[in-house]
PDB file of all heavy atoms in Angstrom:
ATOM      1  N   ASN A   1       6.404  -0.958   9.967  1.00  0.00           N
ATOM      2  CA  ASN A   1       7.796  -1.412  10.247  1.00  0.00           C
ATOM      3  C   ASN A   1       7.836  -1.884  11.697  1.00  0.00           C
ATOM      4  O   ASN A   1       8.845  -1.810  12.374  1.00  0.00           O
ATOM      5  CB  ASN A   1       8.772  -0.277  10.000  1.00  0.00           C
ATOM      6  CG  ASN A   1      10.239  -0.757  10.011  1.00  0.00           C
ATOM      7  OD1 ASN A   1      10.510  -1.864   9.580  1.00  0.00           O
ATOM      8  ND2 ASN A   1      11.114   0.042  10.439  1.00  0.00           N
ATOM      9  N   GLU A   2       6.693  -2.469  12.170  1.00  0.00           N
ATOM     10  CA  GLU A   2       6.484  -2.745  13.601  1.00  0.00           C
ATOM     11  C   GLU A   2       7.368  -3.861  14.093  1.00  0.00           C
ATOM     12  O   GLU A   2       7.572  -3.988  15.319  1.00  0.00           O
ATOM     13  CB  GLU A   2       5.032  -2.986  13.841  1.00  0.00           C
ATOM     14  CG  GLU A   2       4.167  -1.706  13.670  1.00  0.00           C
ATOM     15  CD  GLU A   2       2.729  -2.008  13.601  1.00  0.00           C
ATOM     16  OE1 GLU A   2       2.114  -2.116  14.684  1.00  0.00           O
ATOM     17  OE2 GLU A   2       2.180  -2.133  12.511  1.00  0.00           O
ATOM     18  N   TYR A   3       7.820  -4.749  13.252  1.00  0.00           N
ATOM     19  CA  TYR A   3       8.569  -5.991  13.715  1.00  0.00           C
ATOM     20  C   TYR A   3      10.072  -5.845  13.420  1.00  0.00           C
ATOM     21  O   TYR A   3      10.784  -6.799  13.649  1.00  0.00           O
ATOM     22  CB  TYR A   3       7.999  -7.230  13.161  1.00  0.00           C
ATOM     23  CG  TYR A   3       6.703  -7.638  13.824  1.00  0.00           C
ATOM     24  CD1 TYR A   3       5.473  -7.188  13.321  1.00  0.00           C
ATOM     25  CD2 TYR A   3       6.688  -8.409  14.958  1.00  0.00           C
ATOM     26  CE1 TYR A   3       4.285  -7.504  13.944  1.00  0.00           C
ATOM     27  CE2 TYR A   3       5.468  -8.739  15.517  1.00  0.00           C
ATOM     28  CZ  TYR A   3       4.314  -8.364  15.062  1.00  0.00           C
ATOM     29  OH  TYR A   3       3.118  -8.667  15.710  1.00  0.00           O
ATOM     30  N   SER A   4      10.452  -4.718  12.831  1.00  0.00           N
ATOM     31  CA  SER A   4      11.885  -4.549  12.473  1.00  0.00           C
ATOM     32  C   SER A   4      12.633  -3.776  13.546  1.00  0.00           C
ATOM     33  O   SER A   4      12.040  -2.961  14.289  1.00  0.00           O
ATOM     34  CB  SER A   4      11.975  -3.840  11.083  1.00  0.00           C
ATOM     35  OG  SER A   4      11.220  -4.551  10.147  1.00  0.00           O
ATOM     36  N   LYS A   5      13.964  -3.987  13.596  1.00  0.00           N
ATOM     37  CA  LYS A   5      14.774  -3.327  14.598  1.00  0.00           C
ATOM     38  C   LYS A   5      15.497  -2.078  14.129  1.00  0.00           C
ATOM     39  O   LYS A   5      16.078  -1.385  14.929  1.00  0.00           O
ATOM     40  CB  LYS A   5      15.805  -4.376  15.115  1.00  0.00           C
ATOM     41  CG  LYS A   5      15.181  -5.547  15.809  1.00  0.00           C
ATOM     42  CD  LYS A   5      16.233  -6.564  16.260  1.00  0.00           C
ATOM     43  CE  LYS A   5      15.626  -7.766  16.942  1.00  0.00           C
ATOM     44  NZ  LYS A   5      16.645  -8.784  17.304  1.00  0.00           N
ATOM     45  N   THR A   6      15.381  -1.808  12.862  1.00  0.00           N
ATOM     46  CA  THR A   6      16.015  -0.618  12.294  1.00  0.00           C
ATOM     47  C   THR A   6      15.019   0.059  11.292  1.00  0.00           C
ATOM     48  O   THR A   6      14.042  -0.562  10.887  1.00  0.00           O
ATOM     49  CB  THR A   6      17.298  -0.957  11.551  1.00  0.00           C
ATOM     50  OG1 THR A   6      16.991  -1.935  10.485  1.00  0.00           O
ATOM     51  CG2 THR A   6      18.370  -1.500  12.456  1.00  0.00           C
ATOM     52  N   PRO A   7      15.220   1.328  10.991  1.00  0.00           N
ATOM     53  CA  PRO A   7      14.259   2.013  10.097  1.00  0.00           C
ATOM     54  C   PRO A   7      14.286   1.429   8.673  1.00  0.00           C
ATOM     55  O   PRO A   7      15.222   0.809   8.256  1.00  0.00           O
ATOM     56  CB  PRO A   7      14.831   3.456  10.074  1.00  0.00           C
ATOM     57  CG  PRO A   7      15.674   3.571  11.270  1.00  0.00           C
ATOM     58  CD  PRO A   7      16.288   2.210  11.493  1.00  0.00           C
ATOM     59  N   VAL A   8      13.187   1.674   7.985  1.00  0.00           N
ATOM     60  CA  VAL A   8      13.093   1.354   6.571  1.00  0.00           C
ATOM     61  C   VAL A   8      12.956   2.632   5.764  1.00  0.00           C
ATOM     62  O   VAL A   8      12.033   3.479   6.103  1.00  0.00           O
ATOM     63  CB  VAL A   8      11.942   0.358   6.273  1.00  0.00           C
ATOM     64  CG1 VAL A   8      10.630   0.886   6.708  1.00  0.00           C
ATOM     65  CG2 VAL A   8      11.849   0.002   4.798  1.00  0.00           C
ATOM     66  N   GLU A   9      13.772   2.845   4.806  1.00  0.00           N
ATOM     67  CA  GLU A   9      13.747   4.049   3.960  1.00  0.00           C
ATOM     68  C   GLU A   9      12.958   3.758   2.677  1.00  0.00           C
ATOM     69  O   GLU A   9      13.297   2.790   1.967  1.00  0.00           O
ATOM     70  CB  GLU A   9      15.113   4.516   3.630  1.00  0.00           C
ATOM     71  CG  GLU A   9      15.981   4.931   4.866  1.00  0.00           C
ATOM     72  CD  GLU A   9      17.342   5.357   4.477  1.00  0.00           C
ATOM     73  OE1 GLU A   9      17.707   5.233   3.260  1.00  0.00           O
ATOM     74  OE2 GLU A   9      18.084   5.807   5.374  1.00  0.00           O
ATOM     75  N   ILE A  10      11.956   4.571   2.443  1.00  0.00           N
ATOM     76  CA  ILE A  10      11.155   4.362   1.222  1.00  0.00           C
ATOM     77  C   ILE A  10      11.278   5.665   0.414  1.00  0.00           C
ATOM     78  O   ILE A  10      11.028   6.760   0.833  1.00  0.00           O
ATOM     79  CB  ILE A  10       9.686   4.130   1.627  1.00  0.00           C
ATOM     80  CG1 ILE A  10       9.579   2.757   2.305  1.00  0.00           C
ATOM     81  CG2 ILE A  10       8.761   4.215   0.359  1.00  0.00           C
ATOM     82  CD1 ILE A  10       8.193   2.437   2.853  1.00  0.00           C
ATOM     83  N   LYS A  11      11.710   5.481  -0.891  1.00  0.00           N
ATOM     84  CA  LYS A  11      11.896   6.575  -1.789  1.00  0.00           C
ATOM     85  C   LYS A  11      10.590   7.063  -2.368  1.00  0.00           C
ATOM     86  O   LYS A  11      10.418   8.282  -2.479  1.00  0.00           O
ATOM     87  CB  LYS A  11      12.818   6.146  -2.904  1.00  0.00           C
ATOM     88  CG  LYS A  11      14.326   5.844  -2.530  1.00  0.00           C
ATOM     89  CD  LYS A  11      15.115   5.407  -3.699  1.00  0.00           C
ATOM     90  CE  LYS A  11      16.511   5.136  -3.397  1.00  0.00           C
ATOM     91  NZ  LYS A  11      17.255   4.689  -4.591  1.00  0.00           N
ATOM     92  N   SER A  12       9.695   6.119  -2.681  1.00  0.00           N
ATOM     93  CA  SER A  12       8.421   6.483  -3.227  1.00  0.00           C
ATOM     94  C   SER A  12       7.512   5.298  -3.272  1.00  0.00           C
ATOM     95  O   SER A  12       7.996   4.163  -3.225  1.00  0.00           O
ATOM     96  CB  SER A  12       8.539   7.078  -4.658  1.00  0.00           C
ATOM     97  OG  SER A  12       9.090   6.130  -5.538  1.00  0.00           O
ATOM     98  N   VAL A  13       6.202   5.555  -3.307  1.00  0.00           N
ATOM     99  CA  VAL A  13       5.186   4.516  -3.472  1.00  0.00           C
ATOM    100  C   VAL A  13       4.171   4.996  -4.484  1.00  0.00           C
ATOM    101  O   VAL A  13       3.675   6.130  -4.350  1.00  0.00           O
ATOM    102  CB  VAL A  13       4.471   4.282  -2.158  1.00  0.00           C
ATOM    103  CG1 VAL A  13       3.411   3.137  -2.323  1.00  0.00           C
ATOM    104  CG2 VAL A  13       5.459   3.906  -1.011  1.00  0.00           C
ATOM    105  N   TYR A  14       3.837   4.158  -5.471  1.00  0.00           N
ATOM    106  CA  TYR A  14       2.776   4.460  -6.342  1.00  0.00           C
ATOM    107  C   TYR A  14       1.779   3.330  -6.453  1.00  0.00           C
ATOM    108  O   TYR A  14       2.123   2.146  -6.327  1.00  0.00           O
ATOM    109  CB  TYR A  14       3.268   4.947  -7.758  1.00  0.00           C
ATOM    110  CG  TYR A  14       4.104   3.935  -8.494  1.00  0.00           C
ATOM    111  CD1 TYR A  14       3.534   3.053  -9.418  1.00  0.00           C
ATOM    112  CD2 TYR A  14       5.476   3.989  -8.410  1.00  0.00           C
ATOM    113  CE1 TYR A  14       4.310   2.129 -10.105  1.00  0.00           C
ATOM    114  CE2 TYR A  14       6.350   3.095  -9.099  1.00  0.00           C
ATOM    115  CZ  TYR A  14       5.702   2.172  -9.970  1.00  0.00           C
ATOM    116  OH  TYR A  14       6.475   1.291 -10.665  1.00  0.00           O
ATOM    117  N   ILE A  15       0.549   3.683  -6.699  1.00  0.00           N
ATOM    118  CA  ILE A  15      -0.571   2.671  -6.832  1.00  0.00           C
ATOM    119  C   ILE A  15      -1.091   2.694  -8.201  1.00  0.00           C
ATOM    120  O   ILE A  15      -1.029   3.718  -8.879  1.00  0.00           O
ATOM    121  CB  ILE A  15      -1.690   2.890  -5.724  1.00  0.00           C
ATOM    122  CG1 ILE A  15      -2.264   4.302  -5.936  1.00  0.00           C
ATOM    123  CG2 ILE A  15      -1.128   2.696  -4.386  1.00  0.00           C
ATOM    124  CD1 ILE A  15      -3.527   4.498  -5.046  1.00  0.00           C
ATOM    125  N   ALA A  16      -1.695   1.622  -8.672  1.00  0.00           N
ATOM    126  CA  ALA A  16      -2.260   1.551  -9.982  1.00  0.00           C
ATOM    127  C   ALA A  16      -3.247   0.389 -10.023  1.00  0.00           C
ATOM    128  O   ALA A  16      -3.122  -0.588  -9.288  1.00  0.00           O
ATOM    129  CB  ALA A  16      -1.227   1.434 -11.025  1.00  0.00           C
ATOM    130  N   THR A  17      -4.175   0.468 -10.975  1.00  0.00           N
ATOM    131  CA  THR A  17      -5.054  -0.690 -11.200  1.00  0.00           C
ATOM    132  C   THR A  17      -4.202  -1.835 -11.722  1.00  0.00           C
ATOM    133  O   THR A  17      -3.379  -1.663 -12.669  1.00  0.00           O
ATOM    134  CB  THR A  17      -6.097  -0.298 -12.290  1.00  0.00           C
ATOM    135  OG1 THR A  17      -6.866   0.790 -11.742  1.00  0.00           O
ATOM    136  CG2 THR A  17      -7.034  -1.484 -12.592  1.00  0.00           C
ATOM    137  N   ALA A  18      -4.315  -2.969 -11.154  1.00  0.00           N
ATOM    138  CA  ALA A  18      -3.532  -4.147 -11.555  1.00  0.00           C
ATOM    139  C   ALA A  18      -4.132  -4.869 -12.712  1.00  0.00           C
ATOM    140  O   ALA A  18      -5.384  -5.023 -12.851  1.00  0.00           O
ATOM    141  CB  ALA A  18      -3.438  -5.096 -10.416  1.00  0.00           C
ATOM    142  N   GLY A  19      -3.274  -5.296 -13.651  1.00  0.00           N
ATOM    143  CA  GLY A  19      -3.673  -6.172 -14.799  1.00  0.00           C
ATOM    144  C   GLY A  19      -3.340  -7.527 -14.543  1.00  0.00           C
ATOM    145  O   GLY A  19      -3.330  -7.970 -13.341  1.00  0.00           O
ATOM    146  N   ASP A  20      -2.938  -8.305 -15.534  1.00  0.00           N
ATOM    147  CA  ASP A  20      -2.545  -9.674 -15.377  1.00  0.00           C
ATOM    148  C   ASP A  20      -1.140  -9.700 -14.765  1.00  0.00           C
ATOM    149  O   ASP A  20      -0.266  -8.879 -15.122  1.00  0.00           O
ATOM    150  CB  ASP A  20      -2.501 -10.400 -16.715  1.00  0.00           C
ATOM    151  CG  ASP A  20      -3.945 -10.657 -17.210  1.00  0.00           C
ATOM    152  OD1 ASP A  20      -4.881 -10.609 -16.446  1.00  0.00           O
ATOM    153  OD2 ASP A  20      -4.092 -10.717 -18.508  1.00  0.00           O
ATOM    154  N   SER A  21      -0.917 -10.629 -13.907  1.00  0.00           N
ATOM    155  CA  SER A  21       0.438 -10.883 -13.326  1.00  0.00           C
ATOM    156  C   SER A  21       0.980  -9.596 -12.756  1.00  0.00           C
ATOM    157  O   SER A  21       0.325  -8.937 -11.964  1.00  0.00           O
ATOM    158  CB  SER A  21       1.369 -11.441 -14.383  1.00  0.00           C
ATOM    159  OG  SER A  21       2.636 -11.705 -13.943  1.00  0.00           O
ATOM    160  N   CYS A  22       2.177  -9.080 -13.260  1.00  0.00           N
ATOM    161  CA  CYS A  22       2.776  -7.888 -12.720  1.00  0.00           C
ATOM    162  C   CYS A  22       2.432  -6.650 -13.477  1.00  0.00           C
ATOM    163  O   CYS A  22       2.903  -5.571 -13.130  1.00  0.00           O
ATOM    164  CB  CYS A  22       4.350  -8.078 -12.756  1.00  0.00           C
ATOM    165  SG  CYS A  22       4.992  -8.388 -14.433  1.00  0.00           S
ATOM    166  N   VAL A  23       1.573  -6.757 -14.490  1.00  0.00           N
ATOM    167  CA  VAL A  23       1.205  -5.609 -15.346  1.00  0.00           C
ATOM    168  C   VAL A  23       0.290  -4.693 -14.634  1.00  0.00           C
ATOM    169  O   VAL A  23      -0.601  -5.118 -13.886  1.00  0.00           O
ATOM    170  CB  VAL A  23       0.601  -6.105 -16.659  1.00  0.00           C
ATOM    171  CG1 VAL A  23       0.169  -4.989 -17.535  1.00  0.00           C
ATOM    172  CG2 VAL A  23       1.615  -7.042 -17.434  1.00  0.00           C
ATOM    173  N   ILE A  24       0.443  -3.406 -14.864  1.00  0.00           N
ATOM    174  CA  ILE A  24      -0.429  -2.409 -14.305  1.00  0.00           C
ATOM    175  C   ILE A  24      -1.023  -1.501 -15.427  1.00  0.00           C
ATOM    176  O   ILE A  24      -0.436  -1.441 -16.561  1.00  0.00           O
ATOM    177  CB  ILE A  24       0.245  -1.518 -13.281  1.00  0.00           C
ATOM    178  CG1 ILE A  24       1.388  -0.654 -13.908  1.00  0.00           C
ATOM    179  CG2 ILE A  24       0.748  -2.350 -12.110  1.00  0.00           C
ATOM    180  CD1 ILE A  24       1.949   0.422 -12.985  1.00  0.00           C
ATOM    181  N   ASN A  25      -2.062  -0.853 -15.161  1.00  0.00           N
ATOM    182  CA  ASN A  25      -2.610   0.178 -16.048  1.00  0.00           C
ATOM    183  C   ASN A  25      -1.833   1.482 -15.754  1.00  0.00           C
ATOM    184  O   ASN A  25      -2.082   2.123 -14.766  1.00  0.00           O
ATOM    185  CB  ASN A  25      -4.147   0.397 -15.785  1.00  0.00           C
ATOM    186  CG  ASN A  25      -4.735   1.455 -16.696  1.00  0.00           C
ATOM    187  OD1 ASN A  25      -4.064   2.298 -17.224  1.00  0.00           O
ATOM    188  ND2 ASN A  25      -6.033   1.430 -16.782  1.00  0.00           N
ATOM    189  N   LYS A  26      -0.872   1.758 -16.619  1.00  0.00           N
ATOM    190  CA  LYS A  26       0.003   2.945 -16.369  1.00  0.00           C
ATOM    191  C   LYS A  26      -0.718   4.205 -16.218  1.00  0.00           C
ATOM    192  O   LYS A  26      -0.363   5.139 -15.478  1.00  0.00           O
ATOM    193  CB  LYS A  26       1.052   3.020 -17.438  1.00  0.00           C
ATOM    194  CG  LYS A  26       2.086   1.839 -17.501  1.00  0.00           C
ATOM    195  CD  LYS A  26       3.129   2.056 -18.547  1.00  0.00           C
ATOM    196  CE  LYS A  26       2.442   1.843 -19.977  1.00  0.00           C
ATOM    197  NZ  LYS A  26       3.497   1.881 -20.991  1.00  0.00           N
ATOM    198  N   GLY A  27      -1.836   4.334 -16.970  1.00  0.00           N
ATOM    199  CA  GLY A  27      -2.605   5.591 -16.946  1.00  0.00           C
ATOM    200  C   GLY A  27      -3.293   5.806 -15.629  1.00  0.00           C
ATOM    201  O   GLY A  27      -3.646   6.944 -15.317  1.00  0.00           O
ATOM    202  N   SER A  28      -3.483   4.800 -14.833  1.00  0.00           N
ATOM    203  CA  SER A  28      -4.147   4.900 -13.550  1.00  0.00           C
ATOM    204  C   SER A  28      -3.209   5.192 -12.423  1.00  0.00           C
ATOM    205  O   SER A  28      -3.625   5.472 -11.260  1.00  0.00           O
ATOM    206  CB  SER A  28      -4.924   3.663 -13.203  1.00  0.00           C
ATOM    207  OG  SER A  28      -4.063   2.559 -12.925  1.00  0.00           O
ATOM    208  N   ALA A  29      -1.886   5.104 -12.644  1.00  0.00           N
ATOM    209  CA  ALA A  29      -0.874   5.192 -11.629  1.00  0.00           C
ATOM    210  C   ALA A  29      -0.837   6.558 -10.953  1.00  0.00           C
ATOM    211  O   ALA A  29      -0.919   7.623 -11.620  1.00  0.00           O
ATOM    212  CB  ALA A  29       0.478   4.854 -12.172  1.00  0.00           C
ATOM    213  N   LYS A  30      -0.747   6.557  -9.607  1.00  0.00           N
ATOM    214  CA  LYS A  30      -0.573   7.768  -8.828  1.00  0.00           C
ATOM    215  C   LYS A  30       0.366   7.536  -7.680  1.00  0.00           C
ATOM    216  O   LYS A  30       0.344   6.500  -7.024  1.00  0.00           O
ATOM    217  CB  LYS A  30      -1.956   8.167  -8.260  1.00  0.00           C
ATOM    218  CG  LYS A  30      -2.900   8.722  -9.247  1.00  0.00           C
ATOM    219  CD  LYS A  30      -4.129   9.374  -8.620  1.00  0.00           C
ATOM    220  CE  LYS A  30      -5.018  10.037  -9.679  1.00  0.00           C
ATOM    221  NZ  LYS A  30      -6.208  10.756  -9.003  1.00  0.00           N
ATOM    222  N   TYR A  31       1.266   8.495  -7.493  1.00  0.00           N
ATOM    223  CA  TYR A  31       2.201   8.467  -6.401  1.00  0.00           C
ATOM    224  C   TYR A  31       1.507   8.896  -5.055  1.00  0.00           C
ATOM    225  O   TYR A  31       0.772   9.850  -5.067  1.00  0.00           O
ATOM    226  CB  TYR A  31       3.394   9.354  -6.643  1.00  0.00           C
ATOM    227  CG  TYR A  31       4.410   8.722  -7.571  1.00  0.00           C
ATOM    228  CD1 TYR A  31       4.245   8.924  -8.917  1.00  0.00           C
ATOM    229  CD2 TYR A  31       5.506   7.969  -7.069  1.00  0.00           C
ATOM    230  CE1 TYR A  31       5.242   8.312  -9.834  1.00  0.00           C
ATOM    231  CE2 TYR A  31       6.410   7.452  -7.954  1.00  0.00           C
ATOM    232  CZ  TYR A  31       6.289   7.607  -9.329  1.00  0.00           C
ATOM    233  OH  TYR A  31       7.225   7.015 -10.175  1.00  0.00           O
ATOM    234  N   LEU A  32       1.812   8.224  -4.026  1.00  0.00           N
ATOM    235  CA  LEU A  32       1.334   8.572  -2.688  1.00  0.00           C
ATOM    236  C   LEU A  32       2.307   9.558  -2.078  1.00  0.00           C
ATOM    237  O   LEU A  32       3.551   9.580  -2.468  1.00  0.00           O
ATOM    238  CB  LEU A  32       1.210   7.324  -1.813  1.00  0.00           C
ATOM    239  CG  LEU A  32       0.260   6.221  -2.259  1.00  0.00           C
ATOM    240  CD1 LEU A  32       0.224   5.132  -1.260  1.00  0.00           C
ATOM    241  CD2 LEU A  32      -1.137   6.749  -2.537  1.00  0.00           C
ATOM    242  N   THR A  33       1.855  10.304  -1.106  1.00  0.00           N
ATOM    243  CA  THR A  33       2.761  11.166  -0.348  1.00  0.00           C
ATOM    244  C   THR A  33       2.517  10.939   1.167  1.00  0.00           C
ATOM    245  O   THR A  33       1.504  10.414   1.546  1.00  0.00           O
ATOM    246  CB  THR A  33       2.479  12.696  -0.629  1.00  0.00           C
ATOM    247  OG1 THR A  33       1.128  13.035  -0.287  1.00  0.00           O
ATOM    248  CG2 THR A  33       2.746  13.008  -2.091  1.00  0.00           C
ATOM    249  N   PHE A  34       3.542  11.343   1.912  1.00  0.00           N
ATOM    250  CA  PHE A  34       3.525  11.153   3.383  1.00  0.00           C
ATOM    251  C   PHE A  34       3.973  12.558   3.933  1.00  0.00           C
ATOM    252  O   PHE A  34       5.099  12.978   3.768  1.00  0.00           O
ATOM    253  CB  PHE A  34       4.505  10.099   3.750  1.00  0.00           C
ATOM    254  CG  PHE A  34       4.232   8.735   3.138  1.00  0.00           C
ATOM    255  CD1 PHE A  34       4.669   8.454   1.891  1.00  0.00           C
ATOM    256  CD2 PHE A  34       3.447   7.853   3.846  1.00  0.00           C
ATOM    257  CE1 PHE A  34       4.390   7.187   1.299  1.00  0.00           C
ATOM    258  CE2 PHE A  34       3.120   6.621   3.266  1.00  0.00           C
ATOM    259  CZ  PHE A  34       3.620   6.261   1.948  1.00  0.00           C
ATOM    260  N   GLY A  35       3.006  13.265   4.495  1.00  0.00           N
ATOM    261  CA  GLY A  35       3.324  14.640   4.892  1.00  0.00           C
ATOM    262  C   GLY A  35       3.657  15.492   3.687  1.00  0.00           C
ATOM    263  O   GLY A  35       4.569  16.332   3.771  1.00  0.00           O
ATOM    264  N   LYS A  36       3.041  15.224   2.536  1.00  0.00           N
ATOM    265  CA  LYS A  36       3.197  15.989   1.304  1.00  0.00           C
ATOM    266  C   LYS A  36       4.557  15.643   0.579  1.00  0.00           C
ATOM    267  O   LYS A  36       4.950  16.369  -0.313  1.00  0.00           O
ATOM    268  CB  LYS A  36       2.974  17.465   1.445  1.00  0.00           C
ATOM    269  CG  LYS A  36       1.608  17.790   1.971  1.00  0.00           C
ATOM    270  CD  LYS A  36       1.371  19.318   2.046  1.00  0.00           C
ATOM    271  CE  LYS A  36      -0.011  19.649   2.521  1.00  0.00           C
ATOM    272  NZ  LYS A  36      -0.242  21.085   2.623  1.00  0.00           N
ATOM    273  N   LYS A  37       5.262  14.665   1.074  1.00  0.00           N
ATOM    274  CA  LYS A  37       6.555  14.274   0.446  1.00  0.00           C
ATOM    275  C   LYS A  37       6.395  12.832  -0.063  1.00  0.00           C
ATOM    276  O   LYS A  37       5.697  11.973   0.540  1.00  0.00           O
ATOM    277  CB  LYS A  37       7.650  14.364   1.454  1.00  0.00           C
ATOM    278  CG  LYS A  37       7.968  15.734   1.942  1.00  0.00           C
ATOM    279  CD  LYS A  37       9.185  15.693   2.921  1.00  0.00           C
ATOM    280  CE  LYS A  37       9.422  17.129   3.451  1.00  0.00           C
ATOM    281  NZ  LYS A  37      10.530  17.083   4.452  1.00  0.00           N
ATOM    282  N   ARG A  38       7.089  12.505  -1.186  1.00  0.00           N
ATOM    283  CA  ARG A  38       7.030  11.108  -1.692  1.00  0.00           C
ATOM    284  C   ARG A  38       7.851  10.164  -0.836  1.00  0.00           C
ATOM    285  O   ARG A  38       7.485   8.971  -0.845  1.00  0.00           O
ATOM    286  CB  ARG A  38       7.524  11.117  -3.138  1.00  0.00           C
ATOM    287  CG  ARG A  38       6.520  11.719  -4.137  1.00  0.00           C
ATOM    288  CD  ARG A  38       6.950  11.421  -5.580  1.00  0.00           C
ATOM    289  NE  ARG A  38       5.996  11.976  -6.508  1.00  0.00           N
ATOM    290  CZ  ARG A  38       6.067  11.845  -7.866  1.00  0.00           C
ATOM    291  NH1 ARG A  38       7.129  11.161  -8.341  1.00  0.00           N
ATOM    292  NH2 ARG A  38       5.183  12.391  -8.652  1.00  0.00           N
ATOM    293  N   ASN A  39       8.884  10.615  -0.271  1.00  0.00           N
ATOM    294  CA  ASN A  39       9.790   9.740   0.526  1.00  0.00           C
ATOM    295  C   ASN A  39       9.317   9.741   1.976  1.00  0.00           C
ATOM    296  O   ASN A  39       8.757  10.718   2.519  1.00  0.00           O
ATOM    297  CB  ASN A  39      11.223  10.163   0.395  1.00  0.00           C
ATOM    298  CG  ASN A  39      11.501  11.550   0.993  1.00  0.00           C
ATOM    299  OD1 ASN A  39      10.887  12.516   0.527  1.00  0.00           O
ATOM    300  ND2 ASN A  39      12.348  11.564   2.019  1.00  0.00           N
ATOM    301  N   VAL A  40       9.589   8.632   2.707  1.00  0.00           N
ATOM    302  CA  VAL A  40       9.307   8.512   4.040  1.00  0.00           C
ATOM    303  C   VAL A  40      10.209   7.453   4.680  1.00  0.00           C
ATOM    304  O   VAL A  40      10.592   6.532   4.024  1.00  0.00           O
ATOM    305  CB  VAL A  40       7.819   8.119   4.281  1.00  0.00           C
ATOM    306  CG1 VAL A  40       7.554   6.725   3.720  1.00  0.00           C
ATOM    307  CG2 VAL A  40       7.441   8.223   5.721  1.00  0.00           C
ATOM    308  N   THR A  41      10.643   7.740   5.911  1.00  0.00           N
ATOM    309  CA  THR A  41      11.439   6.814   6.678  1.00  0.00           C
ATOM    310  C   THR A  41      10.536   6.304   7.886  1.00  0.00           C
ATOM    311  O   THR A  41      10.043   7.177   8.592  1.00  0.00           O
ATOM    312  CB  THR A  41      12.756   7.340   7.222  1.00  0.00           C
ATOM    313  OG1 THR A  41      13.551   7.763   6.118  1.00  0.00           O
ATOM    314  CG2 THR A  41      13.478   6.413   8.123  1.00  0.00           C
ATOM    315  N   ILE A  42      10.361   4.985   7.988  1.00  0.00           N
ATOM    316  CA  ILE A  42       9.543   4.465   8.995  1.00  0.00           C
ATOM    317  C   ILE A  42      10.441   3.906  10.093  1.00  0.00           C
ATOM    318  O   ILE A  42      11.256   3.030   9.877  1.00  0.00           O
ATOM    319  CB  ILE A  42       8.576   3.341   8.474  1.00  0.00           C
ATOM    320  CG1 ILE A  42       7.913   3.743   7.191  1.00  0.00           C
ATOM    321  CG2 ILE A  42       7.515   2.908   9.550  1.00  0.00           C
ATOM    322  CD1 ILE A  42       7.112   2.608   6.564  1.00  0.00           C
TER     323      ILE A  42
END
């Protein structure tokens, strides 16, 4: 959030193997954490 003038609130982030276009492999999906929490404010 280095170029922004106010904080950005993130509720959650998950990663997954990408398929075609916007499709993902749902079985591969995993939520990331930040300090062991899913949400983070930058």
